[in-house]
Amino acid sequence: MKVNRTDAASAYLKDQYGIQRTPRTLAKLRSVGGGPRFIRVSKTEVVYSTDDLDNWATQLLGPSFANTAEEHKAAA
């Protein structure tokens, strides 16, 4: 399992998915909820697994469609 510290997780989300979440925002989401799952490795340090980042980003972005007809059918 590959893990990323908060700054690397922020860069990974931007590079892989175009999702811009600063390290500070990820820290806030750890507190209030709504962010990717994380692993606490010490009192002051957390890491994010690449799998958890991928899952969170996929849920955030939603499904993909081959064409607009398919999109409209899914929305109905």
N, C-alpha and C. Protein backbone atom coordinates (compact mmCIF):
# COMPACT_ATOMS: atom_id res chain seq x y z
N MET A 1 0.85 -1.18 0.00
CA MET A 1 0.00 0.00 0.00
C MET A 1 0.90 1.24 0.00
N LYS A 2 0.72 2.08 -1.00
CA LYS A 2 1.46 3.34 -1.06
C LYS A 2 0.72 4.38 -0.23
N VAL A 3 1.47 5.12 0.58
CA VAL A 3 0.86 6.17 1.40
C VAL A 3 1.51 7.51 1.10
N ASN A 4 0.74 8.56 1.33
CA ASN A 4 1.19 9.92 1.08
C ASN A 4 0.93 10.78 2.31
N ARG A 5 1.89 11.62 2.65
CA ARG A 5 1.64 12.62 3.67
C ARG A 5 0.68 13.64 3.08
N THR A 6 0.19 14.54 3.91
CA THR A 6 -0.85 15.47 3.48
C THR A 6 -0.44 16.30 2.27
N ASP A 7 0.77 16.83 2.26
CA ASP A 7 1.20 17.66 1.12
C ASP A 7 1.28 16.85 -0.16
N ALA A 8 1.77 15.62 -0.06
CA ALA A 8 1.85 14.75 -1.23
C ALA A 8 0.45 14.31 -1.68
N ALA A 9 -0.46 14.09 -0.73
CA ALA A 9 -1.83 13.72 -1.07
C ALA A 9 -2.50 14.86 -1.84
N SER A 10 -2.27 16.08 -1.41
CA SER A 10 -2.81 17.25 -2.09
C SER A 10 -2.31 17.31 -3.53
N ALA A 11 -1.02 17.11 -3.71
CA ALA A 11 -0.42 17.14 -5.06
C ALA A 11 -0.95 15.98 -5.90
N TYR A 12 -1.10 14.81 -5.31
CA TYR A 12 -1.60 13.64 -6.03
C TYR A 12 -3.01 13.89 -6.57
N LEU A 13 -3.88 14.43 -5.73
CA LEU A 13 -5.25 14.71 -6.17
C LEU A 13 -5.27 15.70 -7.33
N LYS A 14 -4.42 16.70 -7.27
CA LYS A 14 -4.36 17.69 -8.34
C LYS A 14 -3.81 17.08 -9.63
N ASP A 15 -2.71 16.34 -9.50
CA ASP A 15 -2.06 15.76 -10.68
C ASP A 15 -2.89 14.67 -11.35
N GLN A 16 -3.51 13.82 -10.55
CA GLN A 16 -4.23 12.67 -11.09
C GLN A 16 -5.67 13.00 -11.52
N TYR A 17 -6.31 13.92 -10.79
CA TYR A 17 -7.74 14.14 -11.00
C TYR A 17 -8.12 15.59 -11.26
N GLY A 18 -7.17 16.50 -11.11
CA GLY A 18 -7.49 17.92 -11.26
C GLY A 18 -8.28 18.47 -10.08
N ILE A 19 -8.28 17.75 -8.97
CA ILE A 19 -9.00 18.18 -7.76
C ILE A 19 -8.03 18.98 -6.90
N GLN A 20 -8.35 20.24 -6.68
CA GLN A 20 -7.46 21.10 -5.90
C GLN A 20 -7.95 21.19 -4.46
N ARG A 21 -7.23 20.52 -3.59
CA ARG A 21 -7.48 20.59 -2.16
C ARG A 21 -6.12 20.83 -1.50
N THR A 22 -5.97 21.96 -0.88
CA THR A 22 -4.70 22.28 -0.23
C THR A 22 -4.49 21.37 0.97
N PRO A 23 -3.24 21.25 1.42
CA PRO A 23 -3.00 20.49 2.66
C PRO A 23 -3.85 21.01 3.82
N ARG A 24 -4.01 22.32 3.88
CA ARG A 24 -4.83 22.90 4.95
C ARG A 24 -6.29 22.47 4.83
N THR A 25 -6.80 22.43 3.61
CA THR A 25 -8.18 21.98 3.41
C THR A 25 -8.33 20.51 3.77
N LEU A 26 -7.36 19.68 3.40
CA LEU A 26 -7.42 18.27 3.78
C LEU A 26 -7.42 18.12 5.30
N ALA A 27 -6.64 18.95 5.99
CA ALA A 27 -6.62 18.93 7.46
C ALA A 27 -8.00 19.30 8.01
N LYS A 28 -8.61 20.31 7.43
CA LYS A 28 -9.95 20.73 7.87
C LYS A 28 -10.97 19.61 7.62
N LEU A 29 -10.88 18.97 6.46
CA LEU A 29 -11.81 17.88 6.15
C LEU A 29 -11.63 16.70 7.10
N ARG A 30 -10.42 16.48 7.60
CA ARG A 30 -10.22 15.42 8.60
C ARG A 30 -11.03 15.72 9.85
N SER A 31 -11.17 16.99 10.17
CA SER A 31 -11.89 17.39 11.37
C SER A 31 -13.41 17.40 11.18
N VAL A 32 -13.85 17.98 10.08
CA VAL A 32 -15.30 18.15 9.88
C VAL A 32 -15.94 17.03 9.07
N GLY A 33 -15.13 16.23 8.39
CA GLY A 33 -15.65 15.15 7.56
C GLY A 33 -15.77 15.58 6.11
N GLY A 34 -15.96 14.60 5.26
CA GLY A 34 -16.14 14.87 3.84
C GLY A 34 -14.89 14.71 3.00
N GLY A 35 -13.78 14.40 3.63
CA GLY A 35 -12.53 14.21 2.90
C GLY A 35 -12.20 12.74 2.73
N PRO A 36 -11.05 12.47 2.15
CA PRO A 36 -10.63 11.08 1.99
C PRO A 36 -10.29 10.44 3.34
N ARG A 37 -10.40 9.13 3.39
CA ARG A 37 -10.01 8.38 4.59
C ARG A 37 -8.52 8.59 4.83
N PHE A 38 -8.11 8.54 6.08
CA PHE A 38 -6.70 8.76 6.43
C PHE A 38 -6.28 7.78 7.51
N ILE A 39 -4.98 7.67 7.69
CA ILE A 39 -4.40 6.79 8.71
C ILE A 39 -3.56 7.67 9.62
N ARG A 40 -3.84 7.65 10.91
CA ARG A 40 -3.04 8.41 11.86
C ARG A 40 -1.84 7.56 12.26
N VAL A 41 -0.64 8.07 12.01
CA VAL A 41 0.57 7.31 12.33
C VAL A 41 1.24 7.82 13.60
N SER A 42 0.88 9.01 14.04
CA SER A 42 1.34 9.54 15.32
C SER A 42 0.35 10.62 15.75
N LYS A 43 0.60 11.22 16.89
CA LYS A 43 -0.31 12.25 17.39
C LYS A 43 -0.44 13.42 16.43
N THR A 44 0.64 13.71 15.70
CA THR A 44 0.65 14.89 14.82
C THR A 44 0.74 14.58 13.34
N GLU A 45 0.81 13.30 12.97
CA GLU A 45 1.02 12.96 11.56
C GLU A 45 -0.03 11.97 11.06
N VAL A 46 -0.53 12.25 9.86
CA VAL A 46 -1.43 11.33 9.19
C VAL A 46 -0.91 11.07 7.79
N VAL A 47 -1.34 9.95 7.22
CA VAL A 47 -1.03 9.62 5.83
C VAL A 47 -2.32 9.18 5.15
N TYR A 48 -2.30 9.24 3.85
CA TYR A 48 -3.42 8.81 3.02
C TYR A 48 -2.93 7.71 2.10
N SER A 49 -3.68 6.61 2.02
CA SER A 49 -3.32 5.58 1.05
C SER A 49 -3.77 6.05 -0.33
N THR A 50 -3.02 5.68 -1.33
CA THR A 50 -3.38 6.03 -2.70
C THR A 50 -4.75 5.44 -3.06
N ASP A 51 -5.04 4.24 -2.58
CA ASP A 51 -6.35 3.63 -2.84
C ASP A 51 -7.48 4.48 -2.26
N ASP A 52 -7.29 4.98 -1.04
CA ASP A 52 -8.32 5.82 -0.42
C ASP A 52 -8.48 7.14 -1.17
N LEU A 53 -7.38 7.72 -1.63
CA LEU A 53 -7.46 8.96 -2.41
C LEU A 53 -8.20 8.71 -3.72
N ASP A 54 -7.88 7.59 -4.38
CA ASP A 54 -8.54 7.24 -5.65
C ASP A 54 -10.05 7.05 -5.44
N ASN A 55 -10.42 6.32 -4.39
CA ASN A 55 -11.84 6.07 -4.11
C ASN A 55 -12.58 7.37 -3.83
N TRP A 56 -11.98 8.23 -3.02
CA TRP A 56 -12.62 9.50 -2.67
C TRP A 56 -12.79 10.38 -3.91
N ALA A 57 -11.74 10.46 -4.73
CA ALA A 57 -11.80 11.29 -5.93
C ALA A 57 -12.86 10.78 -6.90
N THR A 58 -12.94 9.47 -7.05
CA THR A 58 -13.93 8.87 -7.95
C THR A 58 -15.35 9.18 -7.49
N GLN A 59 -15.59 9.10 -6.19
CA GLN A 59 -16.91 9.43 -5.65
C GLN A 59 -17.22 10.91 -5.84
N LEU A 60 -16.23 11.75 -5.63
CA LEU A 60 -16.42 13.19 -5.76
C LEU A 60 -16.74 13.58 -7.20
N LEU A 61 -16.03 12.98 -8.14
CA LEU A 61 -16.22 13.32 -9.55
C LEU A 61 -17.51 12.75 -10.13
N GLY A 62 -17.96 11.64 -9.60
CA GLY A 62 -19.18 11.02 -10.11
C GLY A 62 -18.90 10.11 -11.29
N PRO A 63 -19.97 9.56 -11.87
CA PRO A 63 -19.80 8.59 -12.96
C PRO A 63 -19.37 9.25 -14.26
N SER A 64 -18.79 8.45 -15.12
CA SER A 64 -18.44 8.93 -16.47
C SER A 64 -19.47 8.38 -17.46
N PHE A 65 -19.60 9.07 -18.58
CA PHE A 65 -20.58 8.69 -19.60
C PHE A 65 -19.92 8.66 -20.96
N ALA A 66 -20.43 7.80 -21.83
CA ALA A 66 -19.93 7.71 -23.20
C ALA A 66 -20.48 8.82 -24.07
N ASN A 67 -21.69 9.30 -23.73
CA ASN A 67 -22.32 10.37 -24.51
C ASN A 67 -23.41 11.03 -23.67
N THR A 68 -23.97 12.13 -24.18
CA THR A 68 -24.97 12.86 -23.40
C THR A 68 -26.28 12.10 -23.27
N ALA A 69 -26.62 11.26 -24.25
CA ALA A 69 -27.84 10.46 -24.15
C ALA A 69 -27.74 9.53 -22.95
N GLU A 70 -26.59 8.93 -22.77
CA GLU A 70 -26.37 8.04 -21.63
C GLU A 70 -26.48 8.83 -20.32
N GLU A 71 -25.94 10.03 -20.32
CA GLU A 71 -26.00 10.89 -19.13
C GLU A 71 -27.44 11.23 -18.78
N HIS A 72 -28.22 11.61 -19.78
CA HIS A 72 -29.62 11.97 -19.55
C HIS A 72 -30.43 10.77 -19.06
N LYS A 73 -30.14 9.60 -19.59
CA LYS A 73 -30.83 8.39 -19.17
C LYS A 73 -30.53 8.10 -17.69
N ALA A 74 -29.29 8.31 -17.28
CA ALA A 74 -28.91 8.06 -15.89
C ALA A 74 -29.57 9.06 -14.94
N ALA A 75 -29.79 10.27 -15.42
CA ALA A 75 -30.40 11.31 -14.59
C ALA A 75 -31.90 11.12 -14.43
N ALA A 76 -32.51 10.37 -15.33
CA ALA A 76 -33.98 10.20 -15.30
C ALA A 76 -34.41 9.22 -14.24
